[in-house]
């Protein structure tokens, strides 16, 4: 008499779908490990590029906001940039106002300003006015929305990828603002 529904170890040995050997399992684990080793750095690079793009867009719009406020209020406004506690920060304010700590907006993590004033081993890619005592960069716009005498650029890079750079450039005295990347960020 045959019993149905009971587990019989003899059935597993005879079934081709009963499972794999230890060697097969190790091969699968090895293949998965190799794939993960390939995917993680690629994913990290994509994440860093995305953070860099987001940070550059925020700097671009901060400059646009300073330019718009200068025209609206008919006086000089500025966008200021700094690194504080390992984070790049920005503030938009009247030129005679010192931004309070709450006025500073932090950009994405793992982003830095590329300049020799902050790191001697960096190329000098950021050319806005730099105040050595406050360690802040600034770009000013007058009541017409034109630059207040100084054009330039601010360049950001990723802490983990020194090759990828993005910048925002004020390229004319009438306040034209544009973005660029990598070799186009060189002065």
N, C-alpha and C. Protein backbone atom coordinates (compact mmCIF):
# COMPACT_ATOMS: atom_id res chain seq x y z
N UNK A 1 0.83 -1.17 0.00
CA UNK A 1 0.00 0.00 0.00
C UNK A 1 0.88 1.25 0.00
N UNK A 2 0.58 2.15 -0.90
CA UNK A 2 1.38 3.36 -1.06
C UNK A 2 0.79 4.50 -0.25
N UNK A 3 1.66 5.22 0.41
CA UNK A 3 1.19 6.37 1.19
C UNK A 3 1.38 7.64 0.38
N UNK A 4 0.37 8.42 0.34
CA UNK A 4 0.46 9.69 -0.38
C UNK A 4 0.49 10.84 0.63
N UNK A 5 1.20 11.91 0.26
CA UNK A 5 1.21 13.09 1.11
C UNK A 5 2.36 13.11 2.10
N UNK A 6 3.04 11.99 2.25
CA UNK A 6 4.18 11.98 3.17
C UNK A 6 5.44 12.32 2.41
N UNK A 7 6.34 12.94 3.10
CA UNK A 7 7.63 13.31 2.53
C UNK A 7 8.54 12.08 2.57
N UNK A 8 9.10 11.78 1.43
CA UNK A 8 9.99 10.63 1.35
C UNK A 8 11.32 11.09 0.77
N UNK A 9 12.41 10.89 1.51
CA UNK A 9 13.72 11.34 1.06
C UNK A 9 14.16 10.63 -0.21
N UNK A 10 13.61 9.47 -0.48
CA UNK A 10 13.95 8.75 -1.71
C UNK A 10 13.46 9.52 -2.93
N UNK A 11 12.31 10.20 -2.81
CA UNK A 11 11.76 10.96 -3.92
C UNK A 11 12.68 12.11 -4.34
N UNK A 12 13.34 12.76 -3.36
CA UNK A 12 14.22 13.89 -3.67
C UNK A 12 15.44 13.44 -4.46
N UNK A 13 15.98 12.31 -4.13
CA UNK A 13 17.17 11.84 -4.82
C UNK A 13 16.88 11.48 -6.27
N UNK A 14 15.67 11.06 -6.54
CA UNK A 14 15.34 10.64 -7.90
C UNK A 14 14.82 11.79 -8.76
N UNK A 15 14.36 12.89 -8.17
CA UNK A 15 13.76 13.99 -8.92
C UNK A 15 14.85 14.92 -9.47
N UNK A 16 14.83 15.25 -10.77
CA UNK A 16 15.84 16.15 -11.33
C UNK A 16 15.65 17.59 -10.85
N UNK A 17 14.50 17.98 -10.36
CA UNK A 17 14.25 19.34 -9.90
C UNK A 17 14.36 19.43 -8.39
N UNK A 18 15.04 18.52 -7.78
CA UNK A 18 15.08 18.46 -6.33
C UNK A 18 16.00 19.51 -5.72
N UNK A 19 16.86 20.17 -6.46
CA UNK A 19 17.78 21.16 -5.91
C UNK A 19 19.13 21.03 -6.55
N UNK A 20 20.06 21.87 -6.12
CA UNK A 20 21.37 21.86 -6.73
C UNK A 20 22.43 21.34 -5.79
N UNK A 21 23.56 21.11 -6.35
CA UNK A 21 24.68 20.67 -5.54
C UNK A 21 25.34 21.88 -4.92
N UNK A 22 26.25 21.63 -4.01
CA UNK A 22 26.98 22.70 -3.35
C UNK A 22 27.80 23.49 -4.38
N UNK A 23 28.39 22.82 -5.32
CA UNK A 23 29.18 23.49 -6.36
C UNK A 23 28.31 24.43 -7.20
N UNK A 24 27.13 24.00 -7.58
CA UNK A 24 26.22 24.86 -8.35
C UNK A 24 25.83 26.08 -7.54
N UNK A 25 25.56 25.90 -6.27
CA UNK A 25 25.19 27.02 -5.40
C UNK A 25 26.34 28.02 -5.30
N UNK A 26 27.56 27.54 -5.14
CA UNK A 26 28.72 28.42 -5.05
C UNK A 26 28.94 29.20 -6.35
N UNK A 27 28.72 28.56 -7.49
CA UNK A 27 28.86 29.25 -8.78
C UNK A 27 27.83 30.37 -8.90
N UNK A 28 26.60 30.11 -8.50
CA UNK A 28 25.55 31.14 -8.55
C UNK A 28 25.90 32.29 -7.62
N UNK A 29 26.36 32.00 -6.40
CA UNK A 29 26.74 33.05 -5.46
C UNK A 29 27.90 33.86 -6.02
N UNK A 30 28.87 33.22 -6.65
CA UNK A 30 30.00 33.91 -7.25
C UNK A 30 29.56 34.84 -8.38
N UNK A 31 28.68 34.38 -9.23
CA UNK A 31 28.17 35.20 -10.34
C UNK A 31 27.40 36.40 -9.81
N UNK A 32 26.56 36.19 -8.82
CA UNK A 32 25.81 37.31 -8.22
C UNK A 32 26.78 38.30 -7.59
N UNK A 33 27.81 37.82 -6.91
CA UNK A 33 28.81 38.70 -6.31
C UNK A 33 29.53 39.55 -7.34
N UNK A 34 29.89 38.95 -8.46
CA UNK A 34 30.56 39.69 -9.53
C UNK A 34 29.63 40.76 -10.10
N UNK A 35 28.39 40.41 -10.33
CA UNK A 35 27.43 41.39 -10.87
C UNK A 35 27.21 42.54 -9.90
N UNK A 36 27.10 42.25 -8.62
CA UNK A 36 26.94 43.31 -7.62
C UNK A 36 28.19 44.20 -7.61
N UNK A 37 29.37 43.60 -7.73
CA UNK A 37 30.61 44.37 -7.77
C UNK A 37 30.69 45.30 -8.96
N UNK A 38 30.05 44.94 -10.05
CA UNK A 38 30.02 45.79 -11.24
C UNK A 38 28.96 46.88 -11.10
N UNK A 39 27.81 46.54 -10.57
CA UNK A 39 26.68 47.46 -10.52
C UNK A 39 26.86 48.56 -9.48
N UNK A 40 27.41 48.26 -8.31
CA UNK A 40 27.49 49.25 -7.24
C UNK A 40 28.32 50.48 -7.65
N UNK A 41 29.52 50.34 -8.21
CA UNK A 41 30.25 51.56 -8.62
C UNK A 41 29.51 52.34 -9.71
N UNK A 42 28.87 51.64 -10.62
CA UNK A 42 28.11 52.31 -11.67
C UNK A 42 26.96 53.10 -11.06
N UNK A 43 26.27 52.49 -10.12
CA UNK A 43 25.15 53.15 -9.45
C UNK A 43 25.65 54.36 -8.67
N UNK A 44 26.80 54.24 -8.00
CA UNK A 44 27.38 55.35 -7.25
C UNK A 44 27.71 56.51 -8.18
N UNK A 45 28.27 56.20 -9.35
CA UNK A 45 28.59 57.24 -10.32
C UNK A 45 27.35 57.97 -10.82
N UNK A 46 26.29 57.22 -11.09
CA UNK A 46 25.03 57.84 -11.52
C UNK A 46 24.47 58.72 -10.42
N UNK A 47 24.53 58.26 -9.19
CA UNK A 47 24.03 59.03 -8.06
C UNK A 47 24.83 60.32 -7.89
N UNK A 48 26.16 60.24 -7.98
CA UNK A 48 27.00 61.44 -7.85
C UNK A 48 26.72 62.44 -8.96
N UNK A 49 26.58 61.97 -10.20
CA UNK A 49 26.26 62.87 -11.32
C UNK A 49 24.91 63.55 -11.13
N UNK A 50 23.94 62.81 -10.63
CA UNK A 50 22.62 63.37 -10.39
C UNK A 50 22.68 64.46 -9.31
N UNK A 51 23.43 64.22 -8.24
CA UNK A 51 23.59 65.23 -7.18
C UNK A 51 24.29 66.47 -7.71
N UNK A 52 25.29 66.27 -8.56
CA UNK A 52 26.03 67.39 -9.13
C UNK A 52 25.12 68.23 -10.04
N UNK A 53 24.33 67.58 -10.87
CA UNK A 53 23.39 68.30 -11.74
C UNK A 53 22.36 69.08 -10.93
N UNK A 54 21.83 68.46 -9.89
CA UNK A 54 20.85 69.13 -9.03
C UNK A 54 21.47 70.35 -8.36
N UNK A 55 22.68 70.22 -7.86
CA UNK A 55 23.34 71.33 -7.18
C UNK A 55 23.62 72.48 -8.14
N UNK A 56 24.05 72.18 -9.35
CA UNK A 56 24.32 73.23 -10.34
C UNK A 56 23.03 73.95 -10.71
N UNK A 57 21.94 73.20 -10.87
CA UNK A 57 20.65 73.85 -11.17
C UNK A 57 20.24 74.79 -10.05
N UNK A 58 20.46 74.38 -8.81
CA UNK A 58 20.09 75.24 -7.68
C UNK A 58 20.94 76.51 -7.65
N UNK A 59 22.22 76.40 -7.97
CA UNK A 59 23.08 77.59 -8.03
C UNK A 59 22.64 78.50 -9.18
N UNK A 60 22.32 77.91 -10.32
CA UNK A 60 21.84 78.69 -11.47
C UNK A 60 20.59 79.49 -11.07
N UNK A 61 19.63 78.82 -10.44
CA UNK A 61 18.40 79.51 -10.08
C UNK A 61 18.61 80.50 -8.95
N UNK A 62 19.58 80.30 -8.09
CA UNK A 62 19.90 81.29 -7.06
C UNK A 62 20.41 82.57 -7.71
N UNK A 63 21.24 82.43 -8.74
CA UNK A 63 21.73 83.61 -9.46
C UNK A 63 20.59 84.31 -10.19
N UNK A 64 19.71 83.54 -10.79
CA UNK A 64 18.54 84.13 -11.46
C UNK A 64 17.67 84.88 -10.45
N UNK A 65 17.52 84.29 -9.26
CA UNK A 65 16.70 84.93 -8.22
C UNK A 65 17.35 86.24 -7.76
N UNK A 66 18.67 86.27 -7.61
CA UNK A 66 19.37 87.50 -7.23
C UNK A 66 19.20 88.56 -8.31
N UNK A 67 19.30 88.15 -9.55
CA UNK A 67 19.14 89.08 -10.69
C UNK A 67 17.72 89.65 -10.73
N UNK A 68 16.73 88.79 -10.54
CA UNK A 68 15.33 89.22 -10.54
C UNK A 68 15.05 90.16 -9.37
N UNK A 69 15.55 89.81 -8.18
CA UNK A 69 15.34 90.68 -7.00
C UNK A 69 16.00 92.04 -7.20
N UNK A 70 17.16 92.07 -7.84
CA UNK A 70 17.84 93.34 -8.09
C UNK A 70 16.99 94.25 -8.98
N UNK A 71 16.39 93.68 -10.02
CA UNK A 71 15.51 94.47 -10.89
C UNK A 71 14.23 94.88 -10.17
N UNK A 72 13.65 93.96 -9.44
CA UNK A 72 12.38 94.23 -8.76
C UNK A 72 12.54 95.31 -7.69
N UNK A 73 13.59 95.22 -6.88
CA UNK A 73 13.79 96.16 -5.77
C UNK A 73 14.62 97.38 -6.15
N UNK A 74 15.12 97.39 -7.38
CA UNK A 74 15.91 98.51 -7.91
C UNK A 74 17.15 98.82 -7.05
N UNK A 75 17.85 97.76 -6.61
CA UNK A 75 19.13 97.92 -5.92
C UNK A 75 19.96 96.66 -6.11
N UNK A 76 21.16 96.65 -5.59
CA UNK A 76 22.10 95.55 -5.83
C UNK A 76 21.82 94.36 -4.91
N UNK A 77 21.70 93.19 -5.54
CA UNK A 77 21.52 91.92 -4.82
C UNK A 77 22.66 90.99 -5.21
N UNK A 78 22.87 90.00 -4.37
CA UNK A 78 23.94 89.06 -4.67
C UNK A 78 23.57 87.64 -4.30
N UNK A 79 24.22 86.72 -4.98
CA UNK A 79 24.17 85.30 -4.62
C UNK A 79 25.53 84.97 -4.03
N UNK A 80 25.52 84.41 -2.83
CA UNK A 80 26.76 84.06 -2.13
C UNK A 80 26.86 82.54 -2.01
N UNK A 81 28.09 82.05 -2.03
CA UNK A 81 28.34 80.60 -1.97
C UNK A 81 29.49 80.34 -1.01
N UNK A 82 29.39 79.25 -0.27
CA UNK A 82 30.46 78.88 0.65
C UNK A 82 30.43 77.39 0.91
N UNK A 83 31.49 76.91 1.54
CA UNK A 83 31.51 75.55 2.06
C UNK A 83 31.53 75.66 3.57
N UNK A 84 30.62 74.96 4.22
CA UNK A 84 30.54 74.96 5.67
C UNK A 84 30.25 73.54 6.14
N UNK A 85 31.06 73.04 7.04
CA UNK A 85 30.91 71.68 7.57
C UNK A 85 30.84 70.64 6.46
N UNK A 86 31.64 70.82 5.43
CA UNK A 86 31.69 69.86 4.34
C UNK A 86 30.53 69.93 3.36
N UNK A 87 29.69 70.96 3.46
CA UNK A 87 28.55 71.12 2.54
C UNK A 87 28.68 72.45 1.81
N UNK A 88 28.33 72.44 0.54
CA UNK A 88 28.26 73.68 -0.23
C UNK A 88 26.92 74.33 0.09
N UNK A 89 26.95 75.63 0.37
CA UNK A 89 25.72 76.36 0.71
C UNK A 89 25.61 77.60 -0.15
N UNK A 90 24.37 78.08 -0.31
CA UNK A 90 24.12 79.30 -1.06
C UNK A 90 23.13 80.17 -0.31
N UNK A 91 23.21 81.48 -0.58
CA UNK A 91 22.26 82.44 -0.01
C UNK A 91 22.06 83.55 -1.03
N UNK A 92 20.83 84.02 -1.14
CA UNK A 92 20.50 85.16 -2.01
C UNK A 92 20.06 86.28 -1.08
N UNK A 93 20.71 87.45 -1.21
CA UNK A 93 20.44 88.53 -0.27
C UNK A 93 20.85 89.87 -0.86
N UNK A 94 20.39 90.96 -0.22
CA UNK A 94 20.79 92.31 -0.58
C UNK A 94 22.29 92.44 -0.30
N UNK A 95 22.99 93.24 -1.09
CA UNK A 95 24.45 93.31 -0.95
C UNK A 95 24.90 93.82 0.41
N UNK A 96 24.09 94.63 1.09
CA UNK A 96 24.47 95.18 2.39
C UNK A 96 24.00 94.32 3.56
N UNK A 97 23.38 93.20 3.27
CA UNK A 97 22.87 92.32 4.32
C UNK A 97 23.79 91.12 4.48
N UNK A 98 24.14 90.84 5.71
CA UNK A 98 24.91 89.62 5.99
C UNK A 98 23.91 88.50 6.21
N UNK A 99 23.99 87.42 5.45
CA UNK A 99 23.00 86.35 5.61
C UNK A 99 23.10 85.70 6.99
N UNK A 100 21.95 85.48 7.59
CA UNK A 100 21.92 84.77 8.88
C UNK A 100 22.12 83.28 8.62
N UNK A 101 22.43 82.51 9.65
CA UNK A 101 22.61 81.06 9.43
C UNK A 101 21.40 80.39 8.79
N UNK A 102 20.20 80.89 9.06
CA UNK A 102 19.01 80.27 8.47
C UNK A 102 18.82 80.65 6.99
N UNK A 103 19.53 81.68 6.52
CA UNK A 103 19.43 82.08 5.11
C UNK A 103 20.23 81.16 4.18
N UNK A 104 21.17 80.43 4.74
CA UNK A 104 22.01 79.56 3.92
C UNK A 104 21.30 78.26 3.62
N UNK A 105 21.23 77.90 2.34
CA UNK A 105 20.63 76.64 1.90
C UNK A 105 21.74 75.67 1.53
N UNK A 106 21.70 74.47 2.08
CA UNK A 106 22.71 73.46 1.76
C UNK A 106 22.36 72.75 0.46
N UNK A 107 23.37 72.49 -0.33
CA UNK A 107 23.19 71.72 -1.56
C UNK A 107 23.34 70.24 -1.24
N UNK A 108 23.39 69.43 -2.26
CA UNK A 108 23.48 67.98 -2.09
C UNK A 108 24.75 67.57 -1.34
N UNK A 109 24.70 66.40 -0.71
CA UNK A 109 25.87 65.84 -0.03
C UNK A 109 26.94 65.46 -1.04
N UNK A 110 28.19 65.39 -0.59
CA UNK A 110 29.30 64.87 -1.37
C UNK A 110 29.67 65.76 -2.56
N UNK A 111 29.37 67.06 -2.46
CA UNK A 111 29.66 68.04 -3.51
C UNK A 111 30.63 69.07 -2.93
N UNK A 112 31.55 69.57 -3.77
CA UNK A 112 32.52 70.55 -3.30
C UNK A 112 32.70 71.65 -4.34
N UNK A 113 33.18 72.81 -3.89
CA UNK A 113 33.55 73.89 -4.80
C UNK A 113 34.97 73.61 -5.26
N UNK A 114 35.20 73.65 -6.57
CA UNK A 114 36.52 73.37 -7.14
C UNK A 114 37.28 74.68 -7.24
N UNK A 115 38.26 74.88 -6.36
CA UNK A 115 39.06 76.10 -6.38
C UNK A 115 40.30 75.93 -5.51
N UNK A 116 41.39 76.56 -5.93
CA UNK A 116 42.63 76.48 -5.15
C UNK A 116 42.55 77.26 -3.85
N UNK A 117 41.64 78.23 -3.75
CA UNK A 117 41.51 78.98 -2.50
C UNK A 117 41.05 78.09 -1.36
N UNK A 118 40.29 77.04 -1.68
CA UNK A 118 39.79 76.13 -0.65
C UNK A 118 40.65 74.88 -0.53
N UNK A 119 41.17 74.39 -1.65
CA UNK A 119 42.01 73.18 -1.66
C UNK A 119 43.19 73.42 -2.60
N UNK A 120 44.40 73.47 -2.07
CA UNK A 120 45.56 73.79 -2.92
C UNK A 120 45.76 72.85 -4.11
N UNK A 121 45.28 71.61 -4.01
CA UNK A 121 45.48 70.66 -5.12
C UNK A 121 44.42 70.78 -6.21
N UNK A 122 43.39 71.61 -6.01
CA UNK A 122 42.36 71.81 -7.04
C UNK A 122 42.82 72.84 -8.07
N UNK A 123 42.37 72.70 -9.32
CA UNK A 123 42.62 73.76 -10.29
C UNK A 123 41.78 74.99 -9.94
N UNK A 124 42.20 76.15 -10.40
CA UNK A 124 41.49 77.38 -10.07
C UNK A 124 40.35 77.59 -11.06
N UNK A 125 39.24 76.87 -10.87
CA UNK A 125 38.11 76.92 -11.79
C UNK A 125 37.01 77.88 -11.34
N UNK A 126 37.02 78.34 -10.11
CA UNK A 126 35.98 79.26 -9.63
C UNK A 126 36.57 80.66 -9.61
N UNK A 127 35.97 81.56 -10.39
CA UNK A 127 36.57 82.88 -10.58
C UNK A 127 35.70 84.03 -10.11
N UNK A 128 34.63 83.77 -9.39
CA UNK A 128 33.86 84.86 -8.79
C UNK A 128 34.71 85.52 -7.71
N UNK A 129 34.27 86.70 -7.28
CA UNK A 129 34.96 87.37 -6.19
C UNK A 129 34.97 86.44 -4.98
N UNK A 130 36.12 86.31 -4.33
CA UNK A 130 36.27 85.45 -3.16
C UNK A 130 36.76 86.28 -1.99
N UNK A 131 35.95 86.32 -0.92
CA UNK A 131 36.32 87.03 0.30
C UNK A 131 37.11 86.07 1.18
N UNK A 132 38.41 86.34 1.36
CA UNK A 132 39.26 85.41 2.10
C UNK A 132 38.91 85.33 3.58
N UNK A 133 38.40 86.41 4.15
CA UNK A 133 38.09 86.37 5.59
C UNK A 133 36.83 85.55 5.87
N UNK A 134 35.82 85.65 5.01
CA UNK A 134 34.59 84.88 5.23
C UNK A 134 34.56 83.58 4.44
N UNK A 135 35.54 83.42 3.51
CA UNK A 135 35.62 82.25 2.63
C UNK A 135 34.32 82.05 1.84
N UNK A 136 33.83 83.17 1.30
CA UNK A 136 32.59 83.14 0.51
C UNK A 136 32.85 83.71 -0.89
N UNK A 137 32.20 83.09 -1.85
CA UNK A 137 32.18 83.60 -3.22
C UNK A 137 30.91 84.42 -3.37
N UNK A 138 30.94 85.37 -4.30
CA UNK A 138 29.72 86.12 -4.55
C UNK A 138 29.69 86.61 -5.98
N UNK A 139 28.46 86.79 -6.46
CA UNK A 139 28.23 87.46 -7.73
C UNK A 139 27.11 88.46 -7.46
N UNK A 140 27.31 89.71 -7.91
CA UNK A 140 26.33 90.76 -7.65
C UNK A 140 25.67 91.21 -8.95
N UNK A 141 24.40 91.61 -8.81
CA UNK A 141 23.64 92.15 -9.93
C UNK A 141 23.09 93.51 -9.51
N UNK A 142 23.23 94.52 -10.40
CA UNK A 142 22.75 95.86 -10.08
C UNK A 142 21.25 96.00 -10.40
N UNK A 143 20.74 97.19 -10.24
CA UNK A 143 19.30 97.44 -10.39
C UNK A 143 18.77 97.12 -11.78
N UNK A 144 19.65 97.03 -12.78
CA UNK A 144 19.22 96.66 -14.13
C UNK A 144 19.33 95.16 -14.39
N UNK A 145 19.86 94.43 -13.43
CA UNK A 145 20.08 92.99 -13.61
C UNK A 145 21.41 92.67 -14.26
N UNK A 146 22.26 93.69 -14.42
CA UNK A 146 23.59 93.48 -14.98
C UNK A 146 24.55 93.09 -13.86
N UNK A 147 25.67 92.45 -14.24
CA UNK A 147 26.65 92.13 -13.20
C UNK A 147 27.26 93.42 -12.69
N UNK A 148 27.60 93.40 -11.43
CA UNK A 148 28.14 94.59 -10.80
C UNK A 148 29.66 94.63 -10.98
N UNK A 149 30.10 94.61 -12.23
CA UNK A 149 31.50 94.78 -12.54
C UNK A 149 32.34 93.52 -12.63
N UNK A 150 31.83 92.37 -12.23
CA UNK A 150 32.68 91.17 -12.26
C UNK A 150 31.92 89.98 -12.82
N UNK A 151 32.46 89.44 -13.90
CA UNK A 151 31.94 88.20 -14.45
C UNK A 151 32.74 87.06 -13.84
N UNK A 152 32.35 85.84 -14.11
CA UNK A 152 33.12 84.72 -13.59
C UNK A 152 32.31 83.44 -13.60
N UNK A 153 32.76 82.50 -12.79
CA UNK A 153 32.12 81.18 -12.75
C UNK A 153 32.31 80.59 -11.37
N UNK A 154 31.42 79.66 -11.04
CA UNK A 154 31.62 78.82 -9.86
C UNK A 154 31.51 77.38 -10.35
N UNK A 155 32.47 76.58 -9.95
CA UNK A 155 32.57 75.20 -10.43
C UNK A 155 32.39 74.24 -9.27
N UNK A 156 31.56 73.24 -9.47
CA UNK A 156 31.35 72.20 -8.46
C UNK A 156 31.86 70.87 -8.98
N UNK A 157 32.28 70.04 -8.06
CA UNK A 157 32.70 68.69 -8.39
C UNK A 157 32.24 67.74 -7.31
N UNK A 158 32.32 66.48 -7.60
CA UNK A 158 31.96 65.45 -6.63
C UNK A 158 33.19 65.10 -5.80
N UNK A 159 32.99 64.84 -4.52
CA UNK A 159 34.12 64.43 -3.67
C UNK A 159 34.67 63.08 -4.09
N UNK A 160 33.83 62.22 -4.66
CA UNK A 160 34.28 60.87 -5.00
C UNK A 160 34.75 60.73 -6.45
N UNK A 161 34.42 61.71 -7.31
CA UNK A 161 34.84 61.64 -8.71
C UNK A 161 35.44 62.98 -9.09
N UNK A 162 36.77 63.04 -9.14
CA UNK A 162 37.42 64.32 -9.39
C UNK A 162 37.35 64.75 -10.86
N UNK A 163 36.95 63.86 -11.75
CA UNK A 163 36.90 64.17 -13.18
C UNK A 163 35.65 64.95 -13.58
N UNK A 164 34.52 64.64 -12.99
CA UNK A 164 33.24 65.25 -13.39
C UNK A 164 33.08 66.61 -12.72
N UNK A 165 32.95 67.66 -13.53
CA UNK A 165 32.78 69.02 -13.01
C UNK A 165 31.63 69.69 -13.75
N UNK A 166 30.91 70.53 -13.03
CA UNK A 166 29.84 71.35 -13.61
C UNK A 166 30.04 72.77 -13.11
N UNK A 167 29.64 73.74 -13.91
CA UNK A 167 29.80 75.13 -13.49
C UNK A 167 28.65 75.99 -13.97
N UNK A 168 28.50 77.12 -13.29
CA UNK A 168 27.58 78.17 -13.71
C UNK A 168 28.45 79.37 -14.03
N UNK A 169 28.22 79.94 -15.21
CA UNK A 169 29.08 81.01 -15.72
C UNK A 169 28.24 82.26 -15.94
N UNK A 170 28.72 83.40 -15.42
CA UNK A 170 28.17 84.70 -15.79
C UNK A 170 29.14 85.23 -16.83
N UNK A 171 28.70 85.24 -18.10
CA UNK A 171 29.65 85.43 -19.20
C UNK A 171 29.63 86.82 -19.83
N UNK A 172 28.67 87.67 -19.50
CA UNK A 172 28.66 89.02 -20.07
C UNK A 172 28.32 90.02 -18.98
N UNK A 173 28.65 91.27 -19.24
CA UNK A 173 28.34 92.32 -18.26
C UNK A 173 26.84 92.55 -18.11
N UNK A 174 26.05 92.14 -19.10
CA UNK A 174 24.60 92.32 -18.97
C UNK A 174 23.97 91.17 -18.17
N UNK A 175 24.79 90.30 -17.62
CA UNK A 175 24.29 89.29 -16.70
C UNK A 175 23.83 87.99 -17.32
N UNK A 176 24.37 87.62 -18.47
CA UNK A 176 24.01 86.35 -19.08
C UNK A 176 24.54 85.21 -18.22
N UNK A 177 23.66 84.29 -17.85
CA UNK A 177 24.03 83.17 -16.99
C UNK A 177 23.81 81.88 -17.77
N UNK A 178 24.82 81.01 -17.75
CA UNK A 178 24.70 79.72 -18.43
C UNK A 178 25.44 78.66 -17.63
N UNK A 179 25.18 77.40 -17.98
CA UNK A 179 25.86 76.29 -17.32
C UNK A 179 26.79 75.60 -18.32
N UNK A 180 27.77 74.90 -17.79
CA UNK A 180 28.71 74.14 -18.62
C UNK A 180 29.20 72.95 -17.81
N UNK A 181 29.95 72.07 -18.48
CA UNK A 181 30.49 70.92 -17.76
C UNK A 181 31.89 70.57 -18.24
N UNK A 182 32.64 69.93 -17.37
CA UNK A 182 33.98 69.40 -17.61
C UNK A 182 34.93 70.43 -18.21
N UNK A 183 35.47 70.21 -19.41
CA UNK A 183 36.48 71.11 -19.97
C UNK A 183 35.95 72.51 -20.24
N UNK A 184 34.66 72.67 -20.45
CA UNK A 184 34.08 74.00 -20.67
C UNK A 184 34.07 74.84 -19.40
N UNK A 185 34.40 74.25 -18.26
CA UNK A 185 34.45 74.99 -17.00
C UNK A 185 35.83 75.60 -16.74
N UNK A 186 36.79 75.28 -17.59
CA UNK A 186 38.12 75.87 -17.41
C UNK A 186 38.09 77.33 -17.80
N UNK A 187 38.75 78.19 -17.01
CA UNK A 187 38.75 79.63 -17.35
C UNK A 187 39.52 79.92 -18.62
